[in-house]
Full PDB file with SEQRES, HELIX, SHEET, SSBOND, CRYST1, ORIGX, SCALE, CONECT and MASTER records, all heavy atoms in Angstrom:
SEQRES   1 A   32  LEU VAL PHE TRP ALA HIS ARG MET LEU ARG LEU ASP PRO          
SEQRES   2 A   32  ASP GLY ARG TYR ALA ASP VAL ILE GLU ARG ALA LEU TYR          
SEQRES   3 A   32  ASN GLY THR ILE SER GLY                                      
HELIX    1 AA1 VAL A    2  LEU A   11  1                                  10    
HELIX    2 AA2 GLY A   15  ARG A   23  1                                   9    
HELIX    3 AA3 ALA A   24  THR A   29  3                                   6    
CRYST1    1.000    1.000    1.000  90.00  90.00  90.00 P 1           1          
ORIGX1      1.000000  0.000000  0.000000        0.00000                         
ORIGX2      0.000000  1.000000  0.000000        0.00000                         
ORIGX3      0.000000  0.000000  1.000000        0.00000                         
SCALE1      1.000000  0.000000  0.000000        0.00000                         
SCALE2      0.000000  1.000000  0.000000        0.00000                         
SCALE3      0.000000  0.000000  1.000000        0.00000                         
ATOM      1  N   LEU A   1     -29.614 165.000  26.828  1.00  0.00           N  
ATOM      2  CA  LEU A   1     -29.052 165.917  27.837  1.00  0.00           C  
ATOM      3  C   LEU A   1     -27.660 165.430  28.267  1.00  0.00           C  
ATOM      4  O   LEU A   1     -26.771 166.240  28.473  1.00  0.00           O  
ATOM      5  CB  LEU A   1     -29.996 165.960  29.033  1.00  0.00           C  
ATOM      6  CG  LEU A   1     -29.594 166.908  30.184  1.00  0.00           C  
ATOM      7  CD1 LEU A   1     -29.545 168.354  29.726  1.00  0.00           C  
ATOM      8  CD2 LEU A   1     -30.580 166.744  31.352  1.00  0.00           C  
ATOM      9  N   VAL A   2     -27.461 164.112  28.389  1.00  0.00           N  
ATOM     10  CA  VAL A   2     -26.155 163.568  28.699  1.00  0.00           C  
ATOM     11  C   VAL A   2     -25.180 163.909  27.584  1.00  0.00           C  
ATOM     12  O   VAL A   2     -24.019 164.322  27.825  1.00  0.00           O  
ATOM     13  CB  VAL A   2     -26.227 162.041  28.906  1.00  0.00           C  
ATOM     14  CG1 VAL A   2     -24.840 161.424  29.026  1.00  0.00           C  
ATOM     15  CG2 VAL A   2     -27.038 161.737  30.172  1.00  0.00           C  
ATOM     16  N   PHE A   3     -25.599 163.731  26.308  1.00  0.00           N  
ATOM     17  CA  PHE A   3     -24.719 164.041  25.199  1.00  0.00           C  
ATOM     18  C   PHE A   3     -24.254 165.492  25.246  1.00  0.00           C  
ATOM     19  O   PHE A   3     -23.075 165.805  25.040  1.00  0.00           O  
ATOM     20  CB  PHE A   3     -25.438 163.798  23.878  1.00  0.00           C  
ATOM     21  CG  PHE A   3     -25.810 162.360  23.589  1.00  0.00           C  
ATOM     22  CD1 PHE A   3     -26.772 162.033  22.656  1.00  0.00           C  
ATOM     23  CD2 PHE A   3     -25.210 161.307  24.291  1.00  0.00           C  
ATOM     24  CE1 PHE A   3     -27.126 160.750  22.372  1.00  0.00           C  
ATOM     25  CE2 PHE A   3     -25.531 159.979  24.035  1.00  0.00           C  
ATOM     26  CZ  PHE A   3     -26.514 159.699  23.078  1.00  0.00           C  
ATOM     27  N   TRP A   4     -25.210 166.371  25.484  1.00  0.00           N  
ATOM     28  CA  TRP A   4     -24.892 167.806  25.533  1.00  0.00           C  
ATOM     29  C   TRP A   4     -23.966 168.143  26.707  1.00  0.00           C  
ATOM     30  O   TRP A   4     -22.951 168.851  26.526  1.00  0.00           O  
ATOM     31  CB  TRP A   4     -26.203 168.608  25.596  1.00  0.00           C  
ATOM     32  CG  TRP A   4     -26.073 170.094  25.651  1.00  0.00           C  
ATOM     33  CD1 TRP A   4     -25.059 170.859  25.172  1.00  0.00           C  
ATOM     34  CD2 TRP A   4     -27.000 171.007  26.254  1.00  0.00           C  
ATOM     35  NE1 TRP A   4     -25.291 172.167  25.389  1.00  0.00           N  
ATOM     36  CE2 TRP A   4     -26.486 172.307  26.060  1.00  0.00           C  
ATOM     37  CE3 TRP A   4     -28.225 170.854  26.897  1.00  0.00           C  
ATOM     38  CZ2 TRP A   4     -27.130 173.436  26.514  1.00  0.00           C  
ATOM     39  CZ3 TRP A   4     -28.896 171.981  27.352  1.00  0.00           C  
ATOM     40  CH2 TRP A   4     -28.352 173.251  27.141  1.00  0.00           C  
ATOM     41  N   ALA A   5     -24.296 167.638  27.893  1.00  0.00           N  
ATOM     42  CA  ALA A   5     -23.478 167.882  29.055  1.00  0.00           C  
ATOM     43  C   ALA A   5     -22.044 167.397  28.863  1.00  0.00           C  
ATOM     44  O   ALA A   5     -21.090 168.054  29.274  1.00  0.00           O  
ATOM     45  CB  ALA A   5     -24.121 167.236  30.287  1.00  0.00           C  
ATOM     46  N   HIS A   6     -21.913 166.231  28.214  1.00  0.00           N  
ATOM     47  CA  HIS A   6     -20.587 165.676  27.955  1.00  0.00           C  
ATOM     48  C   HIS A   6     -19.766 166.617  27.098  1.00  0.00           C  
ATOM     49  O   HIS A   6     -18.569 166.821  27.330  1.00  0.00           O  
ATOM     50  CB  HIS A   6     -20.784 164.330  27.266  1.00  0.00           C  
ATOM     51  CG  HIS A   6     -19.494 163.625  26.903  1.00  0.00           C  
ATOM     52  ND1 HIS A   6     -18.522 163.398  27.806  1.00  0.00           N  
ATOM     53  CD2 HIS A   6     -19.079 163.112  25.722  1.00  0.00           C  
ATOM     54  CE1 HIS A   6     -17.533 162.726  27.192  1.00  0.00           C  
ATOM     55  NE2 HIS A   6     -17.834 162.584  25.912  1.00  0.00           N  
ATOM     56  N   ARG A   7     -20.413 167.226  26.127  1.00  0.00           N  
ATOM     57  CA  ARG A   7     -19.689 168.169  25.235  1.00  0.00           C  
ATOM     58  C   ARG A   7     -19.384 169.475  25.951  1.00  0.00           C  
ATOM     59  O   ARG A   7     -18.320 170.070  25.715  1.00  0.00           O  
ATOM     60  CB  ARG A   7     -20.517 168.397  23.980  1.00  0.00           C  
ATOM     61  CG  ARG A   7     -20.509 167.161  23.057  1.00  0.00           C  
ATOM     62  CD  ARG A   7     -21.688 167.145  22.107  1.00  0.00           C  
ATOM     63  NE  ARG A   7     -21.498 166.094  21.093  1.00  0.00           N  
ATOM     64  CZ  ARG A   7     -21.763 164.800  21.262  1.00  0.00           C  
ATOM     65  NH1 ARG A   7     -22.240 164.391  22.421  1.00  0.00           N  
ATOM     66  NH2 ARG A   7     -21.569 163.959  20.270  1.00  0.00           N  
ATOM     67  N   MET A   8     -20.283 169.923  26.816  1.00  0.00           N  
ATOM     68  CA  MET A   8     -19.983 171.143  27.581  1.00  0.00           C  
ATOM     69  C   MET A   8     -18.821 170.920  28.531  1.00  0.00           C  
ATOM     70  O   MET A   8     -17.993 171.823  28.736  1.00  0.00           O  
ATOM     71  CB  MET A   8     -21.232 171.572  28.382  1.00  0.00           C  
ATOM     72  CG  MET A   8     -22.420 172.004  27.504  1.00  0.00           C  
ATOM     73  SD  MET A   8     -22.028 173.411  26.436  1.00  0.00           S  
ATOM     74  CE  MET A   8     -21.900 174.706  27.652  1.00  0.00           C  
ATOM     75  N   LEU A   9     -18.711 169.717  29.058  1.00  0.00           N  
ATOM     76  CA  LEU A   9     -17.599 169.398  29.950  1.00  0.00           C  
ATOM     77  C   LEU A   9     -16.276 169.426  29.189  1.00  0.00           C  
ATOM     78  O   LEU A   9     -15.221 169.764  29.756  1.00  0.00           O  
ATOM     79  CB  LEU A   9     -17.858 168.025  30.563  1.00  0.00           C  
ATOM     80  CG  LEU A   9     -17.160 167.632  31.883  1.00  0.00           C  
ATOM     81  CD1 LEU A   9     -17.397 168.669  32.951  1.00  0.00           C  
ATOM     82  CD2 LEU A   9     -17.658 166.272  32.324  1.00  0.00           C  
ATOM     83  N   ARG A  10     -16.329 169.042  27.920  1.00  0.00           N  
ATOM     84  CA  ARG A  10     -15.140 169.110  27.093  1.00  0.00           C  
ATOM     85  C   ARG A  10     -14.672 170.581  26.910  1.00  0.00           C  
ATOM     86  O   ARG A  10     -13.469 170.865  26.913  1.00  0.00           O  
ATOM     87  CB  ARG A  10     -15.431 168.488  25.738  1.00  0.00           C  
ATOM     88  CG  ARG A  10     -14.328 168.595  24.697  1.00  0.00           C  
ATOM     89  CD  ARG A  10     -14.823 168.101  23.337  1.00  0.00           C  
ATOM     90  NE  ARG A  10     -13.814 168.191  22.303  1.00  0.00           N  
ATOM     91  CZ  ARG A  10     -14.046 167.984  21.033  1.00  0.00           C  
ATOM     92  NH1 ARG A  10     -15.269 167.660  20.624  1.00  0.00           N  
ATOM     93  NH2 ARG A  10     -13.078 168.070  20.114  1.00  0.00           N  
ATOM     94  N   LEU A  11     -15.625 171.481  26.815  1.00  0.00           N  
ATOM     95  CA  LEU A  11     -15.318 172.893  26.615  1.00  0.00           C  
ATOM     96  C   LEU A  11     -14.930 173.598  27.896  1.00  0.00           C  
ATOM     97  O   LEU A  11     -14.164 174.558  27.875  1.00  0.00           O  
ATOM     98  CB  LEU A  11     -16.527 173.580  25.993  1.00  0.00           C  
ATOM     99  CG  LEU A  11     -16.765 173.391  24.500  1.00  0.00           C  
ATOM    100  CD1 LEU A  11     -18.203 173.717  24.127  1.00  0.00           C  
ATOM    101  CD2 LEU A  11     -15.776 174.221  23.702  1.00  0.00           C  
ATOM    102  N   ASP A  12     -15.523 173.139  28.997  1.00  0.00           N  
ATOM    103  CA  ASP A  12     -15.384 173.874  30.278  1.00  0.00           C  
ATOM    104  C   ASP A  12     -15.470 172.857  31.416  1.00  0.00           C  
ATOM    105  O   ASP A  12     -16.533 172.387  31.737  1.00  0.00           O  
ATOM    106  CB  ASP A  12     -16.508 174.906  30.394  1.00  0.00           C  
ATOM    107  CG  ASP A  12     -16.460 175.678  31.664  1.00  0.00           C  
ATOM    108  OD1 ASP A  12     -15.416 175.680  32.340  1.00  0.00           O  
ATOM    109  OD2 ASP A  12     -17.502 176.295  32.018  1.00  0.00           O  
ATOM    110  N   PRO A  13     -14.338 172.514  32.039  1.00  0.00           N  
ATOM    111  CA  PRO A  13     -14.350 171.494  33.092  1.00  0.00           C  
ATOM    112  C   PRO A  13     -15.018 172.021  34.351  1.00  0.00           C  
ATOM    113  O   PRO A  13     -14.366 172.372  35.329  1.00  0.00           O  
ATOM    114  CB  PRO A  13     -12.880 171.179  33.303  1.00  0.00           C  
ATOM    115  CG  PRO A  13     -12.153 172.410  32.857  1.00  0.00           C  
ATOM    116  CD  PRO A  13     -12.959 172.985  31.731  1.00  0.00           C  
ATOM    117  N   ASP A  14     -16.336 172.059  34.330  1.00  0.00           N  
ATOM    118  CA  ASP A  14     -17.125 172.546  35.416  1.00  0.00           C  
ATOM    119  C   ASP A  14     -17.997 171.386  35.923  1.00  0.00           C  
ATOM    120  O   ASP A  14     -18.711 170.748  35.144  1.00  0.00           O  
ATOM    121  CB  ASP A  14     -18.011 173.698  34.944  1.00  0.00           C  
ATOM    122  CG  ASP A  14     -18.703 174.439  36.052  1.00  0.00           C  
ATOM    123  OD1 ASP A  14     -19.133 173.785  37.042  1.00  0.00           O  
ATOM    124  OD2 ASP A  14     -18.831 175.690  35.989  1.00  0.00           O  
ATOM    125  N   GLY A  15     -17.941 171.155  37.227  1.00  0.00           N  
ATOM    126  CA  GLY A  15     -18.642 170.038  37.805  1.00  0.00           C  
ATOM    127  C   GLY A  15     -20.140 170.035  37.593  1.00  0.00           C  
ATOM    128  O   GLY A  15     -20.795 169.002  37.679  1.00  0.00           O  
ATOM    129  N   ARG A  16     -20.709 171.212  37.315  1.00  0.00           N  
ATOM    130  CA  ARG A  16     -22.182 171.255  37.153  1.00  0.00           C  
ATOM    131  C   ARG A  16     -22.589 170.436  35.917  1.00  0.00           C  
ATOM    132  O   ARG A  16     -23.724 169.879  35.899  1.00  0.00           O  
ATOM    133  CB  ARG A  16     -22.630 172.696  37.006  1.00  0.00           C  
ATOM    134  CG  ARG A  16     -22.098 173.468  35.799  1.00  0.00           C  
ATOM    135  CD  ARG A  16     -22.624 174.874  35.789  1.00  0.00           C  
ATOM    136  NE  ARG A  16     -22.063 175.667  34.682  1.00  0.00           N  
ATOM    137  CZ  ARG A  16     -22.696 176.651  34.085  1.00  0.00           C  
ATOM    138  NH1 ARG A  16     -23.926 176.971  34.458  1.00  0.00           N  
ATOM    139  NH2 ARG A  16     -22.147 177.312  33.103  1.00  0.00           N  
ATOM    140  N   TYR A  17     -21.759 170.333  34.916  1.00  0.00           N  
ATOM    141  CA  TYR A  17     -22.104 169.503  33.754  1.00  0.00           C  
ATOM    142  C   TYR A  17     -22.027 167.994  34.126  1.00  0.00           C  
ATOM    143  O   TYR A  17     -22.898 167.228  33.757  1.00  0.00           O  
ATOM    144  CB  TYR A  17     -21.147 169.808  32.590  1.00  0.00           C  
ATOM    145  CG  TYR A  17     -21.160 171.260  32.163  1.00  0.00           C  
ATOM    146  CD1 TYR A  17     -19.969 171.997  32.172  1.00  0.00           C  
ATOM    147  CD2 TYR A  17     -22.342 171.903  31.790  1.00  0.00           C  
ATOM    148  CE1 TYR A  17     -19.976 173.339  31.790  1.00  0.00           C  
ATOM    149  CE2 TYR A  17     -22.327 173.222  31.449  1.00  0.00           C  
ATOM    150  CZ  TYR A  17     -21.162 173.951  31.443  1.00  0.00           C  
ATOM    151  OH  TYR A  17     -21.162 175.276  31.066  1.00  0.00           O  
ATOM    152  N   ALA A  18     -20.969 167.643  34.812  1.00  0.00           N  
ATOM    153  CA  ALA A  18     -20.855 166.242  35.250  1.00  0.00           C  
ATOM    154  C   ALA A  18     -21.959 165.863  36.253  1.00  0.00           C  
ATOM    155  O   ALA A  18     -22.402 164.734  36.261  1.00  0.00           O  
ATOM    156  CB  ALA A  18     -19.477 166.007  35.885  1.00  0.00           C  
ATOM    157  N   ASP A  19     -22.389 166.833  37.092  1.00  0.00           N  
ATOM    158  CA  ASP A  19     -23.499 166.570  38.015  1.00  0.00           C  
ATOM    159  C   ASP A  19     -24.756 166.204  37.247  1.00  0.00           C  
ATOM    160  O   ASP A  19     -25.513 165.297  37.674  1.00  0.00           O  
ATOM    161  CB  ASP A  19     -23.742 167.793  38.864  1.00  0.00           C  
ATOM    162  CG  ASP A  19     -22.727 167.996  39.988  1.00  0.00           C  
ATOM    163  OD1 ASP A  19     -21.904 167.116  40.201  1.00  0.00           O  
ATOM    164  OD2 ASP A  19     -22.797 169.063  40.624  1.00  0.00           O  
ATOM    165  N   VAL A  20     -25.018 166.896  36.153  1.00  0.00           N  
ATOM    166  CA  VAL A  20     -26.239 166.609  35.396  1.00  0.00           C  
ATOM    167  C   VAL A  20     -26.117 165.282  34.667  1.00  0.00           C  
ATOM    168  O   VAL A  20     -27.099 164.531  34.576  1.00  0.00           O  
ATOM    169  CB  VAL A  20     -26.546 167.765  34.431  1.00  0.00           C  
ATOM    170  CG1 VAL A  20     -27.611 167.355  33.411  1.00  0.00           C  
ATOM    171  CG2 VAL A  20     -27.003 168.998  35.188  1.00  0.00           C  
ATOM    172  N   ILE A  21     -24.931 164.969  34.157  1.00  0.00           N  
ATOM    173  CA  ILE A  21     -24.709 163.645  33.584  1.00  0.00           C  
ATOM    174  C   ILE A  21     -25.087 162.577  34.610  1.00  0.00           C  
ATOM    175  O   ILE A  21     -25.790 161.611  34.333  1.00  0.00           O  
ATOM    176  CB  ILE A  21     -23.272 163.470  33.080  1.00  0.00           C  
ATOM    177  CG1 ILE A  21     -23.017 164.367  31.883  1.00  0.00           C  
ATOM    178  CG2 ILE A  21     -22.999 162.003  32.714  1.00  0.00           C  
ATOM    179  CD1 ILE A  21     -21.559 164.367  31.418  1.00  0.00           C  
ATOM    180  N   GLU A  22     -24.532 162.741  35.823  1.00  0.00           N  
ATOM    181  CA  GLU A  22     -24.784 161.795  36.886  1.00  0.00           C  
ATOM    182  C   GLU A  22     -26.268 161.676  37.218  1.00  0.00           C  
ATOM    183  O   GLU A  22     -26.839 160.561  37.310  1.00  0.00           O  
ATOM    184  CB  GLU A  22     -24.011 162.185  38.126  1.00  0.00           C  
ATOM    185  CG  GLU A  22     -24.212 161.258  39.322  1.00  0.00           C  
ATOM    186  CD  GLU A  22     -23.470 161.780  40.553  1.00  0.00           C  
ATOM    187  OE1 GLU A  22     -23.986 162.685  41.226  1.00  0.00           O  
ATOM    188  OE2 GLU A  22     -22.352 161.268  40.812  1.00  0.00           O  
ATOM    189  N   ARG A  23     -26.943 162.818  37.321  1.00  0.00           N  
ATOM    190  CA  ARG A  23     -28.377 162.822  37.675  1.00  0.00           C  
ATOM    191  C   ARG A  23     -29.163 162.081  36.610  1.00  0.00           C  
ATOM    192  O   ARG A  23     -30.061 161.294  36.936  1.00  0.00           O  
ATOM    193  CB  ARG A  23     -28.877 164.250  37.828  1.00  0.00           C  
ATOM    194  CG  ARG A  23     -30.356 164.362  38.235  1.00  0.00           C  
ATOM    195  CD  ARG A  23     -30.768 165.783  38.551  1.00  0.00           C  
ATOM    196  NE  ARG A  23     -30.034 166.316  39.684  1.00  0.00           N  
ATOM    197  CZ  ARG A  23     -30.347 166.110  40.940  1.00  0.00           C  
ATOM    198  NH1 ARG A  23     -31.401 165.340  41.242  1.00  0.00           N  
ATOM    199  NH2 ARG A  23     -29.667 166.651  41.918  1.00  0.00           N  
ATOM    200  N   ALA A  24     -28.845 162.328  35.355  1.00  0.00           N  
ATOM    201  CA  ALA A  24     -29.597 161.671  34.268  1.00  0.00           C  
ATOM    202  C   ALA A  24     -29.245 160.203  34.196  1.00  0.00           C  
ATOM    203  O   ALA A  24     -30.136 159.364  33.992  1.00  0.00           O  
ATOM    204  CB  ALA A  24     -29.297 162.350  32.944  1.00  0.00           C  
ATOM    205  N   LEU A  25     -27.978 159.861  34.360  1.00  0.00           N  
ATOM    206  CA  LEU A  25     -27.568 158.451  34.248  1.00  0.00           C  
ATOM    207  C   LEU A  25     -28.253 157.572  35.283  1.00  0.00           C  
ATOM    208  O   LEU A  25     -28.773 156.483  34.970  1.00  0.00           O  
ATOM    209  CB  LEU A  25     -26.052 158.316  34.409  1.00  0.00           C  
ATOM    210  CG  LEU A  25     -25.177 158.716  33.225  1.00  0.00           C  
ATOM    211  CD1 LEU A  25     -23.719 158.531  33.597  1.00  0.00           C  
ATOM    212  CD2 LEU A  25     -25.495 157.883  31.982  1.00  0.00           C  
ATOM    213  N   TYR A  26     -28.320 158.027  36.539  1.00  0.00           N  
ATOM    214  CA  TYR A  26     -28.820 157.190  37.600  1.00  0.00           C  
ATOM    215  C   TYR A  26     -30.340 157.287  37.794  1.00  0.00           C  
ATOM    216  O   TYR A  26     -30.900 156.562  38.620  1.00  0.00           O  
ATOM    217  CB  TYR A  26     -28.132 157.517  38.926  1.00  0.00           C  
ATOM    218  CG  TYR A  26     -26.694 157.032  38.991  1.00  0.00           C  
ATOM    219  CD1 TYR A  26     -25.645 157.914  38.683  1.00  0.00           C  
ATOM    220  CD2 TYR A  26     -26.395 155.711  39.296  1.00  0.00           C  
ATOM    221  CE1 TYR A  26     -24.332 157.466  38.720  1.00  0.00           C  
ATOM    222  CE2 TYR A  26     -25.088 155.277  39.323  1.00  0.00           C  
ATOM    223  CZ  TYR A  26     -24.059 156.154  39.029  1.00  0.00           C  
ATOM    224  OH  TYR A  26     -22.757 155.698  39.065  1.00  0.00           O  
ATOM    225  N   ASN A  27     -30.981 158.178  37.045  1.00  0.00           N  
ATOM    226  CA  ASN A  27     -32.401 158.342  37.247  1.00  0.00           C  
ATOM    227  C   ASN A  27     -33.195 158.354  35.938  1.00  0.00           C  
ATOM    228  O   ASN A  27     -33.841 157.396  35.588  1.00  0.00           O  
ATOM    229  CB  ASN A  27     -32.650 159.653  38.034  1.00  0.00           C  
ATOM    230  CG  ASN A  27     -31.956 159.642  39.381  1.00  0.00           C  
ATOM    231  OD1 ASN A  27     -32.408 158.961  40.294  1.00  0.00           O  
ATOM    232  ND2 ASN A  27     -30.872 160.387  39.546  1.00  0.00           N  
ATOM    233  N   GLY A  28     -33.110 159.455  35.169  1.00  0.00           N  
ATOM    234  CA  GLY A  28     -34.011 159.653  34.046  1.00  0.00           C  
ATOM    235  C   GLY A  28     -33.742 158.895  32.777  1.00  0.00           C  
ATOM    236  O   GLY A  28     -34.544 158.927  31.871  1.00  0.00           O  
ATOM    237  N   THR A  29     -32.582 158.215  32.689  1.00  0.00           N  
ATOM    238  CA  THR A  29     -32.305 157.413  31.489  1.00  0.00           C  
ATOM    239  C   THR A  29     -32.664 155.946  31.727  1.00  0.00           C  
ATOM    240  O   THR A  29     -33.476 155.375  31.017  1.00  0.00           O  
ATOM    241  CB  THR A  29     -30.833 157.539  31.048  1.00  0.00           C  
ATOM    242  OG1 THR A  29     -29.958 157.109  32.124  1.00  0.00           O  
ATOM    243  CG2 THR A  29     -30.505 158.985  30.689  1.00  0.00           C  
ATOM    244  N   ILE A  30     -32.029 155.331  32.719  1.00  0.00           N  
ATOM    245  CA  ILE A  30     -32.205 153.904  32.906  1.00  0.00           C  
ATOM    246  C   ILE A  30     -33.614 153.564  33.428  1.00  0.00           C  
ATOM    247  O   ILE A  30     -34.043 152.397  33.404  1.00  0.00           O  
ATOM    248  CB  ILE A  30     -31.158 153.269  33.839  1.00  0.00           C  
ATOM    249  CG1 ILE A  30     -31.056 153.994  35.155  1.00  0.00           C  
ATOM    250  CG2 ILE A  30     -29.798 153.282  33.120  1.00  0.00           C  
ATOM    251  CD1 ILE A  30     -30.105 153.370  36.178  1.00  0.00           C  
ATOM    252  N   SER A  31     -34.364 154.576  33.889  1.00  0.00           N  
ATOM    253  CA  SER A  31     -35.786 154.334  34.184  1.00  0.00           C  
ATOM    254  C   SER A  31     -36.539 153.910  32.929  1.00  0.00           C  
ATOM    255  O   SER A  31     -37.600 153.305  33.012  1.00  0.00           O  
ATOM    256  CB  SER A  31     -36.433 155.591  34.758  1.00  0.00           C  
ATOM    257  OG  SER A  31     -36.313 156.679  33.859  1.00  0.00           O  
ATOM    258  N   GLY A  32     -35.962 154.218  31.752  1.00  0.00           N  
ATOM    259  CA  GLY A  32     -36.623 153.897  30.513  1.00  0.00           C  
ATOM    260  C   GLY A  32     -36.543 152.432  30.123  1.00  0.00           C  
ATOM    261  O   GLY A  32     -37.088 152.041  29.066  1.00  0.00           O  
TER     262      GLY A  32                                                      
MASTER        0    0    0    3    0    0    0    6  261    1    0    3          
END                                                                             
C-alpha cells in the first residue's frame, strides 16, 4: 500500500496519498 501510494503521489500531489503512507508507516508495517 505504501508503494502504491508513493506512486500515486508522483502522479498527483494530493495529501491523501501521503496520509495513507504515514498511517501505514507508523502502524500497519512496523507492527510486523
